[in-house]
Amino acid sequence: MMSVKKMNAKFQGGSLSDCEIQGATLQNAMFEGVAMFGADFSNSDLSGSEFYMVLAMGASFSNAILKNAKFAGGSYKDVDFSNADLSGAIFTSDNMGGYVDLSGADFSGAKTDKALFESAVYDNSTKLPAGVAMAGLSLKAP
């Protein structure tokens, strides 16, 4: 496990696959073209971070703070966003395919217009944007 505290960090290309970066502070970081297969960012503060063309299969952002984060052109298959704070986040042209866990996540104020949330699951504590029902979401059994 890594202990990381870095503001405005830039990650371009390369791989963070299988990295355990729980509890990191990486506010306003930029991740561009990065592979994150099996990476663990649980309990990390990634507020204001930008994720462009990221491949994050099997990654965990459980309990992460992703307020006002921007996601564009990435693929998030089998990713855990449970209990993550995604308030104000923007998702454009992202593929949230496979089993994506949104249980307890806070999407209040998020923009998800062009994202595909196919086979994603949520529960009664998930906060969706006002007036939005994300296509493809399934209610997780208690």
Protein backbone atom coordinates (compact mmCIF):
# COMPACT_ATOMS: atom_id res chain seq x y z
CA MET A 1 0.00 0.00 0.00
CA MET A 2 1.24 3.49 -0.90
CA SER A 3 0.81 6.63 1.15
CA VAL A 4 0.42 9.47 -1.32
CA LYS A 5 -0.33 13.16 -0.86
CA LYS A 6 0.11 15.21 -4.01
CA MET A 7 -1.87 18.11 -5.42
CA ASN A 8 -2.16 18.64 -9.20
CA ALA A 9 -0.28 15.41 -10.02
CA LYS A 10 -0.19 14.35 -13.69
CA PHE A 11 -0.25 10.74 -14.83
CA GLN A 12 0.03 10.36 -18.61
CA GLY A 13 0.18 6.95 -20.23
CA GLY A 14 1.65 4.06 -18.33
CA SER A 15 0.04 1.84 -15.78
CA LEU A 16 -1.18 2.02 -12.21
CA SER A 17 -2.55 -1.50 -12.49
CA ASP A 18 -2.72 -3.47 -9.24
CA CYS A 19 -1.43 -0.46 -7.27
CA GLU A 20 -2.84 -0.12 -3.76
CA ILE A 21 -3.21 3.61 -3.21
CA GLN A 22 -5.88 3.60 -0.49
CA GLY A 23 -6.35 6.81 1.45
CA ALA A 24 -4.31 8.92 -0.98
CA THR A 25 -4.81 12.66 -1.39
CA LEU A 26 -4.59 13.38 -5.11
CA GLN A 27 -6.80 16.43 -5.51
CA ASN A 28 -6.96 17.99 -8.99
CA ALA A 29 -4.85 15.18 -10.47
CA MET A 30 -4.92 14.40 -14.17
CA PHE A 31 -5.01 10.80 -15.36
CA GLU A 32 -4.69 10.57 -19.15
CA GLY A 33 -4.45 7.29 -21.05
CA VAL A 34 -3.61 5.40 -17.85
CA ALA A 35 -4.35 1.72 -17.26
CA MET A 36 -5.78 1.08 -13.77
CA PHE A 37 -6.57 -2.64 -13.94
CA GLY A 38 -7.25 -3.78 -10.37
CA ALA A 39 -5.99 -0.50 -8.86
CA ASP A 40 -7.31 0.37 -5.39
CA PHE A 41 -8.10 4.05 -4.75
CA SER A 42 -10.55 3.32 -1.93
CA ASN A 43 -10.86 6.04 0.73
CA SER A 44 -8.82 8.42 -1.46
CA ASP A 45 -9.50 12.12 -2.04
CA LEU A 46 -9.53 12.65 -5.81
CA SER A 47 -11.65 15.84 -5.74
CA GLY A 48 -11.48 17.83 -8.96
CA SER A 49 -9.40 15.18 -10.70
CA GLU A 50 -9.69 14.50 -14.43
CA PHE A 51 -9.80 11.02 -15.95
CA TYR A 52 -9.33 10.98 -19.75
CA MET A 53 -9.23 7.75 -21.77
CA VAL A 54 -8.62 5.72 -18.60
CA LEU A 55 -9.00 1.93 -18.58
CA ALA A 56 -10.04 1.00 -15.05
CA MET A 57 -11.23 -2.60 -15.19
CA GLY A 58 -11.63 -4.15 -11.75
CA ALA A 59 -10.54 -0.96 -9.98
CA SER A 60 -11.93 0.22 -6.64
CA PHE A 61 -12.96 3.79 -5.81
CA SER A 62 -15.00 2.65 -2.81
CA ASN A 63 -15.54 5.47 -0.28
CA ALA A 64 -13.43 7.79 -2.47
CA ILE A 65 -14.08 11.52 -2.72
CA LEU A 66 -14.49 12.37 -6.41
CA LYS A 67 -16.37 15.68 -6.07
CA ASN A 68 -16.38 17.66 -9.31
CA ALA A 69 -14.20 15.06 -11.04
CA LYS A 70 -14.32 14.81 -14.84
CA PHE A 71 -14.47 11.50 -16.68
CA ALA A 72 -14.18 11.40 -20.48
CA GLY A 73 -13.74 8.57 -22.95
CA GLY A 74 -12.82 5.96 -20.36
CA SER A 75 -13.83 2.38 -19.75
CA TYR A 76 -14.84 1.34 -16.22
CA LYS A 77 -15.78 -2.35 -16.29
CA ASP A 78 -16.33 -4.19 -12.99
CA VAL A 79 -15.45 -1.07 -10.98
CA ASP A 80 -16.47 -0.40 -7.37
CA PHE A 81 -17.76 3.15 -6.78
CA SER A 82 -19.73 2.10 -3.68
CA ASN A 83 -20.21 4.92 -1.16
CA ALA A 84 -18.09 7.26 -3.32
CA ASP A 85 -18.83 10.98 -3.36
CA LEU A 86 -19.30 11.79 -7.06
CA SER A 87 -21.32 14.95 -6.45
CA GLY A 88 -20.86 17.46 -9.25
CA ALA A 89 -18.88 14.96 -11.34
CA ILE A 90 -19.13 15.04 -15.14
CA PHE A 91 -19.21 11.85 -17.21
CA THR A 92 -18.91 12.19 -21.00
CA SER A 93 -18.58 9.34 -23.47
CA ASP A 94 -17.65 6.88 -20.72
CA ASN A 95 -18.52 3.20 -20.74
CA MET A 96 -19.55 1.92 -17.31
CA GLY A 97 -20.11 -1.64 -18.57
CA GLY A 98 -19.98 -4.90 -16.72
CA TYR A 99 -20.75 -4.93 -13.03
CA VAL A 100 -20.24 -1.39 -11.74
CA ASP A 101 -21.24 -0.95 -8.09
CA LEU A 102 -22.81 2.45 -7.38
CA SER A 103 -24.35 1.39 -4.05
CA GLY A 104 -24.48 4.32 -1.66
CA ALA A 105 -22.70 6.63 -4.11
CA ASP A 106 -23.60 10.33 -4.15
CA PHE A 107 -24.26 11.53 -7.72
CA SER A 108 -26.10 14.70 -6.66
CA GLY A 109 -25.44 17.45 -9.19
CA ALA A 110 -23.52 15.06 -11.46
CA LYS A 111 -23.87 15.19 -15.23
CA THR A 112 -24.14 11.78 -16.88
CA ASP A 113 -25.76 12.66 -20.22
CA LYS A 114 -23.34 10.88 -22.54
CA ALA A 115 -22.17 8.06 -20.30
CA LEU A 116 -23.29 4.47 -20.71
CA PHE A 117 -24.11 2.81 -17.37
CA GLU A 118 -24.83 -0.66 -18.71
CA SER A 119 -25.27 -3.33 -15.99
CA ALA A 120 -24.43 -0.88 -13.20
CA VAL A 121 -26.15 -1.48 -9.87
CA TYR A 122 -27.30 0.89 -7.15
CA ASP A 123 -29.25 0.68 -3.91
CA ASN A 124 -31.76 2.80 -2.01
CA SER A 125 -28.98 4.95 -0.52
CA THR A 126 -27.54 5.92 -3.93
CA LYS A 127 -28.19 9.62 -4.61
CA LEU A 128 -28.92 10.11 -8.32
CA PRO A 129 -28.94 13.56 -9.96
CA ALA A 130 -32.28 15.37 -9.58
CA GLY A 131 -34.81 14.25 -12.17
CA VAL A 132 -32.45 11.68 -13.69
CA ALA A 133 -32.95 7.96 -14.01
CA MET A 134 -29.76 6.53 -15.49
CA ALA A 135 -30.56 4.02 -18.22
CA GLY A 136 -29.17 0.58 -17.63
CA LEU A 137 -29.08 0.79 -13.84
CA SER A 138 -30.42 -2.09 -11.79
CA LEU A 139 -31.57 -1.89 -8.20
CA LYS A 140 -29.32 -4.05 -6.03
CA ALA A 141 -31.17 -6.46 -3.77
CA PRO A 142 -30.72 -5.70 -0.05
